[in-house]
Amino acid sequence: MRIKTGGQHQGWTVVHLARRAWRGSFEGVWLGVEESTGHWMVGRQHDGQSMDDGFDADGNCATSRHFREGNEYLNMRRTLAAYDEEAQNASDVWNGMWDQRAHDAVARHLAHRVPFPAPVRLSAGWVGAA
């Protein structure tokens, strides 16, 4: 079963995930948030033989860690740290750009949750006409 970034999975929004081949099998991790509660989760996908078998037929992953404190920001920060740790444990999933990619995915997700009435030009990466 293939789960897609940005989609819903068992009530969770999948913010980022990665899966890679390593020594004849595939390993992977994923990061999600439950929008209604502000709870965050990091999960380890099942090891498998393809990009599509990281989740079982019911959509479950191998292991997961939930972050359900009262502060959504702290939940997110703790989840990012745990996600980095899980990615390093998943052999070839982690690489030198991992932290930046995962943090960028979380930043994009959070930006979409805040409605702005007009384009905002505060992003460090924004380039455009003055």
C-alpha atoms as a PDB file:
ATOM      1  CA  MET A   1       0.000   0.000   0.000  1.00  0.00           C
ATOM      2  CA  ARG A   2       1.457   3.327  -1.019  1.00  0.00           C
ATOM      3  CA  ILE A   3       0.677   6.364   1.143  1.00  0.00           C
ATOM      4  CA  LYS A   4       1.245   9.799  -0.430  1.00  0.00           C
ATOM      5  CA  THR A   5       2.703  12.942   1.092  1.00  0.00           C
ATOM      6  CA  GLY A   6       0.061  15.631   1.605  1.00  0.00           C
ATOM      7  CA  GLY A   7      -2.742  13.080   1.729  1.00  0.00           C
ATOM      8  CA  GLN A   8      -4.846  11.766   4.568  1.00  0.00           C
ATOM      9  CA  HIS A   9      -3.954   8.459   6.224  1.00  0.00           C
ATOM     10  CA  GLN A  10      -6.128   7.106   9.048  1.00  0.00           C
ATOM     11  CA  GLY A  11      -7.020  10.655  10.137  1.00  0.00           C
ATOM     12  CA  TRP A  12      -3.452  11.925   9.865  1.00  0.00           C
ATOM     13  CA  THR A  13      -2.075  14.355   7.284  1.00  0.00           C
ATOM     14  CA  VAL A  14       1.147  12.892   5.896  1.00  0.00           C
ATOM     15  CA  VAL A  15       3.621  15.782   6.004  1.00  0.00           C
ATOM     16  CA  HIS A  16       6.723  13.926   4.841  1.00  0.00           C
ATOM     17  CA  LEU A  17       7.808  10.371   4.097  1.00  0.00           C
ATOM     18  CA  ALA A  18      10.742   8.592   2.556  1.00  0.00           C
ATOM     19  CA  ARG A  19      11.427   5.039   1.440  1.00  0.00           C
ATOM     20  CA  ARG A  20      14.586   3.673  -0.128  1.00  0.00           C
ATOM     21  CA  ALA A  21      16.126   0.400  -1.261  1.00  0.00           C
ATOM     22  CA  TRP A  22      18.837  -0.947   1.016  1.00  0.00           C
ATOM     23  CA  ARG A  23      20.611  -4.286   0.610  1.00  0.00           C
ATOM     24  CA  GLY A  24      17.801  -6.094  -1.159  1.00  0.00           C
ATOM     25  CA  SER A  25      14.854  -4.638   0.756  1.00  0.00           C
ATOM     26  CA  PHE A  26      13.105  -1.290   1.203  1.00  0.00           C
ATOM     27  CA  GLU A  27      13.037   0.706   4.432  1.00  0.00           C
ATOM     28  CA  GLY A  28      11.102   3.863   5.180  1.00  0.00           C
ATOM     29  CA  VAL A  29       9.765   6.404   7.654  1.00  0.00           C
ATOM     30  CA  TRP A  30       6.882   8.896   7.718  1.00  0.00           C
ATOM     31  CA  LEU A  31       5.801  12.002   9.641  1.00  0.00           C
ATOM     32  CA  GLY A  32       2.222  13.094  10.182  1.00  0.00           C
ATOM     33  CA  VAL A  33      -0.047  15.455  12.103  1.00  0.00           C
ATOM     34  CA  GLU A  34      -3.628  15.089  13.278  1.00  0.00           C
ATOM     35  CA  GLU A  35      -4.998  18.507  12.369  1.00  0.00           C
ATOM     36  CA  SER A  36      -7.906  18.582  14.809  1.00  0.00           C
ATOM     37  CA  THR A  37      -5.760  17.907  17.891  1.00  0.00           C
ATOM     38  CA  GLY A  38      -2.260  19.140  17.022  1.00  0.00           C
ATOM     39  CA  HIS A  39      -0.837  15.706  17.776  1.00  0.00           C
ATOM     40  CA  TRP A  40       2.178  14.664  15.711  1.00  0.00           C
ATOM     41  CA  MET A  41       3.482  11.195  14.909  1.00  0.00           C
ATOM     42  CA  VAL A  42       6.579   9.638  13.407  1.00  0.00           C
ATOM     43  CA  GLY A  43       6.396   6.085  12.101  1.00  0.00           C
ATOM     44  CA  ARG A  44       8.695   3.436  10.727  1.00  0.00           C
ATOM     45  CA  GLN A  45       7.347   1.657   7.653  1.00  0.00           C
ATOM     46  CA  HIS A  46       7.507  -2.118   7.329  1.00  0.00           C
ATOM     47  CA  ASP A  47      10.633  -3.385   5.611  1.00  0.00           C
ATOM     48  CA  GLY A  48       9.595  -4.857   2.279  1.00  0.00           C
ATOM     49  CA  GLN A  49      10.417  -5.784  -1.270  1.00  0.00           C
ATOM     50  CA  SER A  50       9.024  -2.694  -3.060  1.00  0.00           C
ATOM     51  CA  MET A  51       8.148   0.973  -2.675  1.00  0.00           C
ATOM     52  CA  ASP A  52       4.513  -0.033  -2.126  1.00  0.00           C
ATOM     53  CA  ASP A  53       4.668  -2.437   0.818  1.00  0.00           C
ATOM     54  CA  GLY A  54       5.710  -0.105   3.638  1.00  0.00           C
ATOM     55  CA  PHE A  55       2.179  -0.169   5.069  1.00  0.00           C
ATOM     56  CA  ASP A  56       0.091  -3.322   5.529  1.00  0.00           C
ATOM     57  CA  ALA A  57      -3.315  -3.883   3.901  1.00  0.00           C
ATOM     58  CA  ASP A  58      -4.995  -1.910   6.718  1.00  0.00           C
ATOM     59  CA  GLY A  59      -2.582   1.024   6.316  1.00  0.00           C
ATOM     60  CA  ASN A  60      -0.599   0.308   9.483  1.00  0.00           C
ATOM     61  CA  CYS A  61       3.128   0.944   9.786  1.00  0.00           C
ATOM     62  CA  ALA A  62       5.671  -1.182  11.688  1.00  0.00           C
ATOM     63  CA  THR A  63       6.152   1.153  14.669  1.00  0.00           C
ATOM     64  CA  SER A  64       5.108   4.662  15.616  1.00  0.00           C
ATOM     65  CA  ARG A  65       5.787   7.303  18.235  1.00  0.00           C
ATOM     66  CA  HIS A  66       3.081   9.814  19.124  1.00  0.00           C
ATOM     67  CA  PHE A  67       3.608  13.312  20.495  1.00  0.00           C
ATOM     68  CA  ARG A  68       0.476  14.480  22.313  1.00  0.00           C
ATOM     69  CA  GLU A  69       1.487  17.179  24.743  1.00  0.00           C
ATOM     70  CA  GLY A  70      -0.634  20.308  25.165  1.00  0.00           C
ATOM     71  CA  ASN A  71       1.628  22.463  22.975  1.00  0.00           C
ATOM     72  CA  GLU A  72       1.449  21.765  19.236  1.00  0.00           C
ATOM     73  CA  TYR A  73       4.745  23.543  18.555  1.00  0.00           C
ATOM     74  CA  LEU A  74       6.627  21.369  21.068  1.00  0.00           C
ATOM     75  CA  ASN A  75       4.943  18.281  19.628  1.00  0.00           C
ATOM     76  CA  MET A  76       6.163  19.260  16.161  1.00  0.00           C
ATOM     77  CA  ARG A  77       9.740  19.959  17.317  1.00  0.00           C
ATOM     78  CA  ARG A  78       9.966  16.657  19.228  1.00  0.00           C
ATOM     79  CA  THR A  79       8.518  14.789  16.283  1.00  0.00           C
ATOM     80  CA  LEU A  80      11.091  16.292  13.886  1.00  0.00           C
ATOM     81  CA  ALA A  81      13.901  15.160  16.207  1.00  0.00           C
ATOM     82  CA  ALA A  82      12.412  11.653  16.428  1.00  0.00           C
ATOM     83  CA  TYR A  83      11.870  11.575  12.658  1.00  0.00           C
ATOM     84  CA  ASP A  84      15.533  12.384  12.056  1.00  0.00           C
ATOM     85  CA  GLU A  85      16.525   9.611  14.455  1.00  0.00           C
ATOM     86  CA  GLU A  86      14.220   7.072  12.771  1.00  0.00           C
ATOM     87  CA  ALA A  87      15.507   8.055   9.330  1.00  0.00           C
ATOM     88  CA  GLN A  88      19.092   7.501  10.428  1.00  0.00           C
ATOM     89  CA  ASN A  89      18.107   4.079  11.796  1.00  0.00           C
ATOM     90  CA  ALA A  90      16.443   3.222   8.475  1.00  0.00           C
ATOM     91  CA  SER A  91      19.811   2.889   6.747  1.00  0.00           C
ATOM     92  CA  ASP A  92      19.780   4.601   3.364  1.00  0.00           C
ATOM     93  CA  VAL A  93      16.702   6.784   3.985  1.00  0.00           C
ATOM     94  CA  TRP A  94      18.730   9.436   5.782  1.00  0.00           C
ATOM     95  CA  ASN A  95      21.232  11.528   3.830  1.00  0.00           C
ATOM     96  CA  GLY A  96      22.999  14.869   4.163  1.00  0.00           C
ATOM     97  CA  MET A  97      19.967  16.835   2.966  1.00  0.00           C
ATOM     98  CA  TRP A  98      17.485  14.988   5.189  1.00  0.00           C
ATOM     99  CA  ASP A  99      17.083  17.657   7.894  1.00  0.00           C
ATOM    100  CA  GLN A 100      16.476  20.427   5.368  1.00  0.00           C
ATOM    101  CA  ARG A 101      13.933  18.448   3.354  1.00  0.00           C
ATOM    102  CA  ALA A 102      11.945  17.330   6.384  1.00  0.00           C
ATOM    103  CA  HIS A 103      11.961  20.804   7.949  1.00  0.00           C
ATOM    104  CA  ASP A 104      10.937  22.372   4.625  1.00  0.00           C
ATOM    105  CA  ALA A 105       8.024  19.921   4.352  1.00  0.00           C
ATOM    106  CA  VAL A 106       6.811  20.831   7.848  1.00  0.00           C
ATOM    107  CA  ALA A 107       7.185  24.556   7.119  1.00  0.00           C
ATOM    108  CA  ARG A 108       5.156  24.213   3.882  1.00  0.00           C
ATOM    109  CA  HIS A 109       2.475  22.255   5.718  1.00  0.00           C
ATOM    110  CA  LEU A 110       2.208  24.853   8.486  1.00  0.00           C
ATOM    111  CA  ALA A 111       2.160  27.715   5.958  1.00  0.00           C
ATOM    112  CA  HIS A 112      -0.876  26.210   4.229  1.00  0.00           C
ATOM    113  CA  ARG A 113      -2.750  26.172   7.540  1.00  0.00           C
ATOM    114  CA  VAL A 114      -2.462  29.960   7.999  1.00  0.00           C
ATOM    115  CA  PRO A 115      -4.717  31.919   5.630  1.00  0.00           C
ATOM    116  CA  PHE A 116      -3.295  35.226   4.412  1.00  0.00           C
ATOM    117  CA  PRO A 117      -5.486  37.731   2.537  1.00  0.00           C
ATOM    118  CA  ALA A 118      -2.658  38.781   0.194  1.00  0.00           C
ATOM    119  CA  PRO A 119       0.680  37.327  -0.904  1.00  0.00           C
ATOM    120  CA  VAL A 120       3.228  37.544   1.871  1.00  0.00           C
ATOM    121  CA  ARG A 121       6.803  38.419   0.945  1.00  0.00           C
ATOM    122  CA  LEU A 122       8.510  37.283   4.152  1.00  0.00           C
ATOM    123  CA  SER A 123       9.839  33.918   3.049  1.00  0.00           C
ATOM    124  CA  ALA A 124      13.631  33.730   2.956  1.00  0.00           C
ATOM    125  CA  GLY A 125      13.494  31.872  -0.329  1.00  0.00           C
ATOM    126  CA  TRP A 126      10.997  34.179  -2.052  1.00  0.00           C
ATOM    127  CA  VAL A 127      12.306  35.931  -5.128  1.00  0.00           C
ATOM    128  CA  GLY A 128      10.231  38.288  -7.183  1.00  0.00           C
ATOM    129  CA  ALA A 129       9.777  41.788  -8.530  1.00  0.00           C
ATOM    130  CA  ALA A 130       9.903  44.530  -5.909  1.00  0.00           C
END
